């Protein structure tokens, strides 16, 4: 059957996905790559810049 490669292309090693979401309490969070989510305070935020 082979190795499960998920949904990312095989050559996407230098890309990170940024996800912003609101939890059930109405708090806003952002997760970049595999890092733990961090809370977004203040105004709506733009995705974190890619530092690589």
N, C-alpha and C. Protein backbone atom coordinates (compact mmCIF):
# COMPACT_ATOMS: atom_id res chain seq x y z
N UNK A 1 0.81 -1.19 0.00
CA UNK A 1 0.00 0.00 0.00
C UNK A 1 0.86 1.26 0.00
N UNK A 2 1.97 1.30 0.72
CA UNK A 2 2.86 2.45 0.69
C UNK A 2 2.68 3.37 1.89
N UNK A 3 3.49 4.41 1.90
CA UNK A 3 3.48 5.39 3.00
C UNK A 3 2.37 6.41 2.76
N UNK A 4 1.62 6.75 3.82
CA UNK A 4 0.58 7.79 3.73
C UNK A 4 1.26 9.15 3.68
N UNK A 5 1.10 9.87 2.59
CA UNK A 5 1.75 11.17 2.41
C UNK A 5 0.83 12.32 2.76
N UNK A 6 -0.39 12.04 3.25
CA UNK A 6 -1.29 13.11 3.64
C UNK A 6 -1.78 13.90 2.43
N UNK A 7 -2.09 15.18 2.65
CA UNK A 7 -2.63 16.00 1.56
C UNK A 7 -1.59 16.93 0.96
N UNK A 8 -0.40 17.03 1.56
CA UNK A 8 0.62 17.93 1.04
C UNK A 8 1.41 17.26 -0.08
N UNK A 9 1.82 18.04 -1.08
CA UNK A 9 2.66 17.48 -2.14
C UNK A 9 4.00 17.01 -1.58
N UNK A 10 4.61 16.06 -2.23
CA UNK A 10 5.88 15.50 -1.77
C UNK A 10 6.98 16.56 -1.70
N UNK A 11 6.93 17.60 -2.53
CA UNK A 11 7.97 18.63 -2.57
C UNK A 11 7.62 19.85 -1.73
N UNK A 12 6.69 19.74 -0.78
CA UNK A 12 6.24 20.88 0.01
C UNK A 12 6.97 21.00 1.34
N UNK A 13 8.20 20.56 1.41
CA UNK A 13 8.93 20.55 2.68
C UNK A 13 9.26 21.95 3.17
N UNK A 14 9.29 22.95 2.32
CA UNK A 14 9.61 24.31 2.76
C UNK A 14 8.36 25.18 2.93
N UNK A 15 7.20 24.57 3.04
CA UNK A 15 5.95 25.31 3.21
C UNK A 15 5.37 25.01 4.58
N UNK A 16 4.71 26.02 5.16
CA UNK A 16 4.03 25.82 6.43
C UNK A 16 2.60 26.33 6.28
N UNK A 17 1.68 25.61 6.80
CA UNK A 17 0.28 25.98 6.76
C UNK A 17 -0.04 26.82 7.99
N UNK A 18 -0.75 27.94 7.79
CA UNK A 18 -1.20 28.78 8.90
C UNK A 18 -2.72 28.71 8.94
N UNK A 19 -3.24 28.37 10.13
CA UNK A 19 -4.68 28.24 10.32
C UNK A 19 -5.11 29.17 11.44
N UNK A 20 -6.13 29.98 11.19
CA UNK A 20 -6.72 30.80 12.24
C UNK A 20 -8.13 30.29 12.48
N UNK A 21 -8.53 30.21 13.75
CA UNK A 21 -9.85 29.69 14.06
C UNK A 21 -10.38 30.33 15.34
N UNK A 22 -11.69 30.21 15.53
CA UNK A 22 -12.37 30.70 16.74
C UNK A 22 -12.92 29.49 17.47
N UNK A 23 -12.62 29.40 18.78
CA UNK A 23 -13.09 28.25 19.55
C UNK A 23 -14.53 28.47 20.03
N UNK A 24 -15.05 27.50 20.76
CA UNK A 24 -16.45 27.56 21.22
C UNK A 24 -16.69 28.72 22.18
N UNK A 25 -15.64 29.23 22.82
CA UNK A 25 -15.78 30.37 23.74
C UNK A 25 -15.66 31.71 23.03
N UNK A 26 -15.42 31.69 21.71
CA UNK A 26 -15.27 32.93 20.95
C UNK A 26 -13.86 33.49 20.93
N UNK A 27 -12.89 32.74 21.45
CA UNK A 27 -11.49 33.18 21.45
C UNK A 27 -10.85 32.83 20.11
N UNK A 28 -10.01 33.74 19.61
CA UNK A 28 -9.33 33.51 18.33
C UNK A 28 -7.95 32.92 18.56
N UNK A 29 -7.58 31.96 17.70
CA UNK A 29 -6.31 31.25 17.79
C UNK A 29 -5.67 31.16 16.43
N UNK A 30 -4.35 30.97 16.43
CA UNK A 30 -3.60 30.76 15.19
C UNK A 30 -2.60 29.64 15.41
N UNK A 31 -2.49 28.76 14.42
CA UNK A 31 -1.51 27.69 14.45
C UNK A 31 -0.69 27.76 13.18
N UNK A 32 0.64 27.76 13.33
CA UNK A 32 1.56 27.82 12.19
C UNK A 32 2.34 26.52 12.15
N UNK A 33 2.21 25.81 11.03
CA UNK A 33 2.91 24.54 10.88
C UNK A 33 2.47 23.56 11.95
N UNK A 34 3.43 22.91 12.60
CA UNK A 34 3.13 21.93 13.64
C UNK A 34 3.24 22.52 15.04
N UNK A 35 3.45 23.84 15.14
CA UNK A 35 3.56 24.48 16.45
C UNK A 35 2.21 24.48 17.16
N UNK A 36 2.22 24.55 18.48
CA UNK A 36 0.95 24.61 19.21
C UNK A 36 0.21 25.91 18.87
N UNK A 37 -1.10 25.91 18.96
CA UNK A 37 -1.86 27.13 18.69
C UNK A 37 -1.53 28.23 19.70
N UNK A 38 -1.55 29.47 19.23
CA UNK A 38 -1.36 30.63 20.10
C UNK A 38 -2.59 31.52 19.99
N UNK A 39 -2.94 32.16 21.09
CA UNK A 39 -4.12 33.01 21.11
C UNK A 39 -3.82 34.32 20.41
N UNK A 40 -4.79 34.81 19.63
CA UNK A 40 -4.68 36.08 18.93
C UNK A 40 -5.41 37.11 19.77
N UNK A 41 -4.69 38.14 20.20
CA UNK A 41 -5.28 39.22 20.99
C UNK A 41 -5.45 40.46 20.12
N UNK A 42 -6.40 41.30 20.43
CA UNK A 42 -6.58 42.56 19.71
C UNK A 42 -7.36 42.38 18.42
N UNK A 43 -6.99 43.15 17.42
CA UNK A 43 -7.70 43.15 16.14
C UNK A 43 -7.45 41.85 15.38
N UNK A 44 -8.25 41.62 14.34
CA UNK A 44 -8.03 40.46 13.48
C UNK A 44 -6.61 40.49 12.96
N UNK A 45 -5.95 39.34 13.00
CA UNK A 45 -4.54 39.26 12.63
C UNK A 45 -4.34 38.73 11.24
N UNK A 46 -3.27 39.14 10.62
CA UNK A 46 -2.81 38.57 9.36
C UNK A 46 -2.00 37.33 9.71
N UNK A 47 -1.88 36.37 8.79
CA UNK A 47 -1.05 35.20 9.06
C UNK A 47 0.39 35.60 9.39
N UNK A 48 1.03 34.82 10.25
CA UNK A 48 2.42 35.10 10.61
C UNK A 48 3.31 35.00 9.39
N UNK A 49 4.32 35.89 9.27
CA UNK A 49 5.21 35.82 8.11
C UNK A 49 6.09 34.57 8.18
N UNK A 50 6.45 34.07 7.01
CA UNK A 50 7.31 32.91 6.92
C UNK A 50 8.74 33.37 7.22
N UNK A 51 9.35 32.84 8.27
CA UNK A 51 10.67 33.26 8.67
C UNK A 51 11.79 32.42 8.07
N UNK A 52 11.44 31.48 7.23
CA UNK A 52 12.48 30.61 6.64
C UNK A 52 13.07 31.24 5.41
